[in-house]
Amino acid sequence: MATEQKLPPASYTGPSGGLKKATVWLASEDVGTDVELTVTIVDVELHRGVKFDAGRTEDKVPALRFKEIEKHMILNSTNRKFLVRMFGMDTKDWRNQRVAIFVDPDVKFAGQKVNGLRLRPAQPVPEGWETWTNEQRGENRANAGTQAFRAWWKTLTKEERESVKGKTAEWKTISDNANTAQPDQTSL
């Protein structure tokens, strides 16, 4: 029996991640292909009996929980090995560590190339960051390049974005100039 559809349907404009069904799991569409998210690991969790799409069930699913975002990141072997290299074998040492999440377009899954989430070292937070205004933070991130600026921008609330929108054109110019002055730093 089909459910009744209300017409007309709502038009949607926005990131493709907004079209996904609700889930607790972080996906590449939540991050975007041209930014990285700098996050702090709060906990390493082991979920049991997790049901995925198409009825697939996994007995154990390791995941990371972060301070800055609600969704959990499934911890695959590549990212687990990165964390071991960076912070050691004991997962208690991973807590409170900062990492950057980015989208790698060349991840193999089920024999196909897909966008996958990867981790890399996070850029250090400048001294005094916590006391800076958003204008100071925006200029700092713009000087670090477009990727760093976009990652910071994604952390702002709508109100915070409104309060600095007069600076965005200037910051775009600064970040574009920073990109041409800095070599590509996308690999470890």
C-alpha atoms as a PDB file:
ATOM      1  CA  MET A   1       0.000   0.000   0.000  1.00  0.00           C
ATOM      2  CA  ALA A   2       1.494   3.337  -1.048  1.00  0.00           C
ATOM      3  CA  THR A   3       1.524   6.247   1.333  1.00  0.00           C
ATOM      4  CA  GLU A   4      -0.158   9.429   0.258  1.00  0.00           C
ATOM      5  CA  GLN A   5       2.230  12.116  -1.035  1.00  0.00           C
ATOM      6  CA  LYS A   6       1.592  15.757  -0.185  1.00  0.00           C
ATOM      7  CA  LEU A   7       1.887  17.968  -3.244  1.00  0.00           C
ATOM      8  CA  PRO A   8       3.708  19.970  -4.282  1.00  0.00           C
ATOM      9  CA  PRO A   9       6.961  18.622  -2.862  1.00  0.00           C
ATOM     10  CA  ALA A  10       9.345  21.104  -1.268  1.00  0.00           C
ATOM     11  CA  SER A  11      12.212  22.355  -3.384  1.00  0.00           C
ATOM     12  CA  TYR A  12      15.650  21.718  -1.884  1.00  0.00           C
ATOM     13  CA  THR A  13      18.778  23.784  -2.381  1.00  0.00           C
ATOM     14  CA  GLY A  14      21.863  23.015  -0.342  1.00  0.00           C
ATOM     15  CA  PRO A  15      24.597  20.471   0.213  1.00  0.00           C
ATOM     16  CA  SER A  16      23.852  16.959  -1.049  1.00  0.00           C
ATOM     17  CA  GLY A  17      24.298  15.654   2.502  1.00  0.00           C
ATOM     18  CA  GLY A  18      20.951  17.289   3.290  1.00  0.00           C
ATOM     19  CA  LEU A  19      19.276  14.772   0.970  1.00  0.00           C
ATOM     20  CA  LYS A  20      20.533  11.737   2.912  1.00  0.00           C
ATOM     21  CA  LYS A  21      18.325  10.014   5.418  1.00  0.00           C
ATOM     22  CA  ALA A  22      19.086  10.822   9.037  1.00  0.00           C
ATOM     23  CA  THR A  23      21.905   8.806  10.559  1.00  0.00           C
ATOM     24  CA  VAL A  24      24.380   9.027  13.434  1.00  0.00           C
ATOM     25  CA  TRP A  25      27.270   8.194  11.076  1.00  0.00           C
ATOM     26  CA  LEU A  26      29.466  10.879   9.535  1.00  0.00           C
ATOM     27  CA  ALA A  27      29.697  10.600   5.729  1.00  0.00           C
ATOM     28  CA  SER A  28      31.808  12.271   3.055  1.00  0.00           C
ATOM     29  CA  GLU A  29      28.812  14.392   2.033  1.00  0.00           C
ATOM     30  CA  ASP A  30      28.678  15.807   5.564  1.00  0.00           C
ATOM     31  CA  VAL A  31      32.254  17.056   5.224  1.00  0.00           C
ATOM     32  CA  GLY A  32      32.497  18.111   1.558  1.00  0.00           C
ATOM     33  CA  THR A  33      35.240  17.568  -0.977  1.00  0.00           C
ATOM     34  CA  ASP A  34      36.979  20.918  -0.696  1.00  0.00           C
ATOM     35  CA  VAL A  35      37.369  21.329   3.075  1.00  0.00           C
ATOM     36  CA  GLU A  36      38.653  19.554   6.113  1.00  0.00           C
ATOM     37  CA  LEU A  37      37.140  19.543   9.573  1.00  0.00           C
ATOM     38  CA  THR A  38      39.450  19.933  12.546  1.00  0.00           C
ATOM     39  CA  VAL A  39      37.972  18.031  15.466  1.00  0.00           C
ATOM     40  CA  THR A  40      38.865  16.815  18.949  1.00  0.00           C
ATOM     41  CA  ILE A  41      38.418  13.120  19.745  1.00  0.00           C
ATOM     42  CA  VAL A  42      36.172  12.755  22.797  1.00  0.00           C
ATOM     43  CA  ASP A  43      35.810   8.987  22.844  1.00  0.00           C
ATOM     44  CA  VAL A  44      36.529   5.770  20.992  1.00  0.00           C
ATOM     45  CA  GLU A  45      33.386   3.638  20.942  1.00  0.00           C
ATOM     46  CA  LEU A  46      32.576   0.060  20.034  1.00  0.00           C
ATOM     47  CA  HIS A  47      29.010  -0.254  18.751  1.00  0.00           C
ATOM     48  CA  ARG A  48      27.503  -3.750  18.706  1.00  0.00           C
ATOM     49  CA  GLY A  49      24.882  -5.220  16.382  1.00  0.00           C
ATOM     50  CA  VAL A  50      24.769  -2.249  14.006  1.00  0.00           C
ATOM     51  CA  LYS A  51      22.280  -2.476  11.119  1.00  0.00           C
ATOM     52  CA  PHE A  52      23.234  -0.698   7.913  1.00  0.00           C
ATOM     53  CA  ASP A  53      21.381  -0.145   4.644  1.00  0.00           C
ATOM     54  CA  ALA A  54      20.166  -3.183   2.719  1.00  0.00           C
ATOM     55  CA  GLY A  55      19.843  -5.124   5.970  1.00  0.00           C
ATOM     56  CA  ARG A  56      23.586  -5.646   6.476  1.00  0.00           C
ATOM     57  CA  THR A  57      24.478  -6.109  10.160  1.00  0.00           C
ATOM     58  CA  GLU A  58      27.932  -5.777  11.700  1.00  0.00           C
ATOM     59  CA  ASP A  59      28.658  -7.412  15.060  1.00  0.00           C
ATOM     60  CA  LYS A  60      31.221  -4.750  16.057  1.00  0.00           C
ATOM     61  CA  VAL A  61      31.642  -1.246  14.627  1.00  0.00           C
ATOM     62  CA  PRO A  62      34.421   0.911  16.071  1.00  0.00           C
ATOM     63  CA  ALA A  63      33.760   4.646  15.892  1.00  0.00           C
ATOM     64  CA  LEU A  64      35.104   8.006  16.989  1.00  0.00           C
ATOM     65  CA  ARG A  65      33.036  10.639  18.775  1.00  0.00           C
ATOM     66  CA  PHE A  66      34.084  14.280  18.523  1.00  0.00           C
ATOM     67  CA  LYS A  67      33.613  17.431  20.585  1.00  0.00           C
ATOM     68  CA  GLU A  68      32.724  19.686  17.654  1.00  0.00           C
ATOM     69  CA  ILE A  69      30.221  17.543  15.712  1.00  0.00           C
ATOM     70  CA  GLU A  70      27.356  15.256  16.705  1.00  0.00           C
ATOM     71  CA  LYS A  71      27.865  12.489  14.156  1.00  0.00           C
ATOM     72  CA  HIS A  72      30.193   9.579  14.857  1.00  0.00           C
ATOM     73  CA  MET A  73      32.887   8.501  12.409  1.00  0.00           C
ATOM     74  CA  ILE A  74      33.182   4.795  11.700  1.00  0.00           C
ATOM     75  CA  LEU A  75      36.794   3.837  12.306  1.00  0.00           C
ATOM     76  CA  ASN A  76      38.095   1.809   9.375  1.00  0.00           C
ATOM     77  CA  SER A  77      41.500   0.120   9.364  1.00  0.00           C
ATOM     78  CA  THR A  78      43.270   2.921   7.453  1.00  0.00           C
ATOM     79  CA  ASN A  79      42.167   5.582   9.931  1.00  0.00           C
ATOM     80  CA  ARG A  80      42.791   3.286  12.920  1.00  0.00           C
ATOM     81  CA  LYS A  81      46.390   2.714  11.729  1.00  0.00           C
ATOM     82  CA  PHE A  82      46.851   6.475  11.314  1.00  0.00           C
ATOM     83  CA  LEU A  83      45.733   7.034  14.931  1.00  0.00           C
ATOM     84  CA  VAL A  84      48.110   4.322  16.146  1.00  0.00           C
ATOM     85  CA  ARG A  85      51.007   5.994  14.290  1.00  0.00           C
ATOM     86  CA  MET A  86      50.089   9.415  15.678  1.00  0.00           C
ATOM     87  CA  PHE A  87      49.049   8.650  19.250  1.00  0.00           C
ATOM     88  CA  GLY A  88      50.026   5.069  20.097  1.00  0.00           C
ATOM     89  CA  MET A  89      48.359   1.695  20.518  1.00  0.00           C
ATOM     90  CA  ASP A  90      46.247   2.519  23.577  1.00  0.00           C
ATOM     91  CA  THR A  91      42.968   4.202  22.590  1.00  0.00           C
ATOM     92  CA  LYS A  92      42.888   6.118  25.873  1.00  0.00           C
ATOM     93  CA  ASP A  93      45.766   8.165  24.428  1.00  0.00           C
ATOM     94  CA  TRP A  94      43.621   9.136  21.425  1.00  0.00           C
ATOM     95  CA  ARG A  95      41.153  11.075  23.580  1.00  0.00           C
ATOM     96  CA  ASN A  96      41.494  14.868  23.524  1.00  0.00           C
ATOM     97  CA  GLN A  97      43.723  14.659  20.435  1.00  0.00           C
ATOM     98  CA  ARG A  98      42.973  16.985  17.518  1.00  0.00           C
ATOM     99  CA  VAL A  99      42.797  15.575  13.994  1.00  0.00           C
ATOM    100  CA  ALA A 100      41.598  16.808  10.620  1.00  0.00           C
ATOM    101  CA  ILE A 101      38.903  14.884   8.732  1.00  0.00           C
ATOM    102  CA  PHE A 102      38.990  15.201   4.946  1.00  0.00           C
ATOM    103  CA  VAL A 103      37.434  13.466   1.930  1.00  0.00           C
ATOM    104  CA  ASP A 104      39.673  11.247  -0.191  1.00  0.00           C
ATOM    105  CA  PRO A 105      38.096  10.654  -3.636  1.00  0.00           C
ATOM    106  CA  ASP A 106      40.178   7.523  -4.266  1.00  0.00           C
ATOM    107  CA  VAL A 107      39.024   5.214  -1.458  1.00  0.00           C
ATOM    108  CA  LYS A 108      38.196   1.667  -2.611  1.00  0.00           C
ATOM    109  CA  PHE A 109      34.983   0.189  -1.219  1.00  0.00           C
ATOM    110  CA  ALA A 110      33.393  -2.993  -2.578  1.00  0.00           C
ATOM    111  CA  GLY A 111      35.766  -2.816  -5.552  1.00  0.00           C
ATOM    112  CA  GLN A 112      34.801   0.728  -6.550  1.00  0.00           C
ATOM    113  CA  LYS A 113      36.382   4.146  -6.044  1.00  0.00           C
ATOM    114  CA  VAL A 114      34.281   6.240  -3.687  1.00  0.00           C
ATOM    115  CA  ASN A 115      34.651   9.368  -1.589  1.00  0.00           C
ATOM    116  CA  GLY A 116      35.860   8.208   1.807  1.00  0.00           C
ATOM    117  CA  LEU A 117      36.708   9.888   5.070  1.00  0.00           C
ATOM    118  CA  ARG A 118      40.353  10.047   6.057  1.00  0.00           C
ATOM    119  CA  LEU A 119      42.294  11.539   8.962  1.00  0.00           C
ATOM    120  CA  ARG A 120      45.470  13.605   9.001  1.00  0.00           C
ATOM    121  CA  PRO A 121      47.284  15.712  11.587  1.00  0.00           C
ATOM    122  CA  ALA A 122      45.400  18.865  12.539  1.00  0.00           C
ATOM    123  CA  GLN A 123      47.043  22.226  12.175  1.00  0.00           C
ATOM    124  CA  PRO A 124      47.912  23.601  15.603  1.00  0.00           C
ATOM    125  CA  VAL A 125      45.551  26.146  17.115  1.00  0.00           C
ATOM    126  CA  PRO A 126      47.292  29.528  17.314  1.00  0.00           C
ATOM    127  CA  GLU A 127      48.089  30.808  20.791  1.00  0.00           C
ATOM    128  CA  GLY A 128      45.265  32.986  22.111  1.00  0.00           C
ATOM    129  CA  TRP A 129      42.677  31.544  19.680  1.00  0.00           C
ATOM    130  CA  GLU A 130      40.067  31.150  22.415  1.00  0.00           C
ATOM    131  CA  THR A 131      40.099  34.884  23.176  1.00  0.00           C
ATOM    132  CA  TRP A 132      40.147  36.091  19.552  1.00  0.00           C
ATOM    133  CA  THR A 133      37.127  37.681  17.887  1.00  0.00           C
ATOM    134  CA  ASN A 134      35.634  35.972  14.850  1.00  0.00           C
ATOM    135  CA  GLU A 135      37.158  38.724  12.694  1.00  0.00           C
ATOM    136  CA  GLN A 136      40.616  37.823  14.021  1.00  0.00           C
ATOM    137  CA  ARG A 137      39.957  34.109  13.535  1.00  0.00           C
ATOM    138  CA  GLY A 138      38.656  34.671   9.996  1.00  0.00           C
ATOM    139  CA  GLU A 139      41.750  36.595   8.970  1.00  0.00           C
ATOM    140  CA  ASN A 140      44.014  33.961  10.533  1.00  0.00           C
ATOM    141  CA  ARG A 141      42.238  31.110   8.736  1.00  0.00           C
ATOM    142  CA  ALA A 142      42.174  33.059   5.435  1.00  0.00           C
ATOM    143  CA  ASN A 143      45.951  33.483   5.701  1.00  0.00           C
ATOM    144  CA  ALA A 144      46.192  29.687   6.081  1.00  0.00           C
ATOM    145  CA  GLY A 145      44.424  29.175   2.726  1.00  0.00           C
ATOM    146  CA  THR A 146      40.991  28.351   1.366  1.00  0.00           C
ATOM    147  CA  GLN A 147      40.793  24.875   2.873  1.00  0.00           C
ATOM    148  CA  ALA A 148      41.562  26.112   6.399  1.00  0.00           C
ATOM    149  CA  PHE A 149      39.186  29.045   5.997  1.00  0.00           C
ATOM    150  CA  ARG A 150      36.286  26.880   4.771  1.00  0.00           C
ATOM    151  CA  ALA A 151      36.780  24.395   7.600  1.00  0.00           C
ATOM    152  CA  TRP A 152      36.596  27.252  10.136  1.00  0.00           C
ATOM    153  CA  TRP A 153      33.590  28.818   8.361  1.00  0.00           C
ATOM    154  CA  LYS A 154      31.643  25.555   8.692  1.00  0.00           C
ATOM    155  CA  THR A 155      31.972  25.778  12.487  1.00  0.00           C
ATOM    156  CA  LEU A 156      30.205  29.158  12.696  1.00  0.00           C
ATOM    157  CA  THR A 157      26.563  29.583  13.570  1.00  0.00           C
ATOM    158  CA  LYS A 158      24.268  31.522  11.236  1.00  0.00           C
ATOM    159  CA  GLU A 159      24.460  34.509  13.587  1.00  0.00           C
ATOM    160  CA  GLU A 160      28.253  34.413  13.669  1.00  0.00           C
ATOM    161  CA  ARG A 161      28.394  34.295   9.861  1.00  0.00           C
ATOM    162  CA  GLU A 162      26.047  37.272   9.648  1.00  0.00           C
ATOM    163  CA  SER A 163      28.218  39.263  12.057  1.00  0.00           C
ATOM    164  CA  VAL A 164      31.301  38.958   9.797  1.00  0.00           C
ATOM    165  CA  LYS A 165      29.735  38.810   6.329  1.00  0.00           C
ATOM    166  CA  GLY A 166      31.190  42.228   5.445  1.00  0.00           C
ATOM    167  CA  LYS A 167      34.681  40.672   5.638  1.00  0.00           C
ATOM    168  CA  THR A 168      34.116  37.617   3.429  1.00  0.00           C
ATOM    169  CA  ALA A 169      35.198  39.209   0.130  1.00  0.00           C
ATOM    170  CA  GLU A 170      38.443  40.397   1.738  1.00  0.00           C
ATOM    171  CA  TRP A 171      39.024  36.959   3.289  1.00  0.00           C
ATOM    172  CA  LYS A 172      38.432  35.257  -0.064  1.00  0.00           C
ATOM    173  CA  THR A 173      41.148  37.378  -1.642  1.00  0.00           C
ATOM    174  CA  ILE A 174      43.513  36.666   1.264  1.00  0.00           C
ATOM    175  CA  SER A 175      42.869  32.899   1.117  1.00  0.00           C
ATOM    176  CA  ASP A 176      43.267  32.799  -2.689  1.00  0.00           C
ATOM    177  CA  ASN A 177      46.619  34.582  -2.341  1.00  0.00           C
ATOM    178  CA  ALA A 178      47.649  32.219   0.451  1.00  0.00           C
ATOM    179  CA  ASN A 179      46.841  29.226  -1.773  1.00  0.00           C
ATOM    180  CA  THR A 180      49.197  30.428  -4.517  1.00  0.00           C
ATOM    181  CA  ALA A 181      51.947  31.193  -1.990  1.00  0.00           C
ATOM    182  CA  GLN A 182      51.810  27.789  -0.242  1.00  0.00           C
ATOM    183  CA  PRO A 183      52.642  24.350  -1.687  1.00  0.00           C
ATOM    184  CA  ASP A 184      49.947  21.656  -1.608  1.00  0.00           C
ATOM    185  CA  GLN A 185      49.877  20.136   1.874  1.00  0.00           C
ATOM    186  CA  THR A 186      47.255  17.455   1.328  1.00  0.00           C
ATOM    187  CA  SER A 187      49.461  14.439   2.016  1.00  0.00           C
ATOM    188  CA  LEU A 188      51.106  13.250   5.205  1.00  0.00           C
END
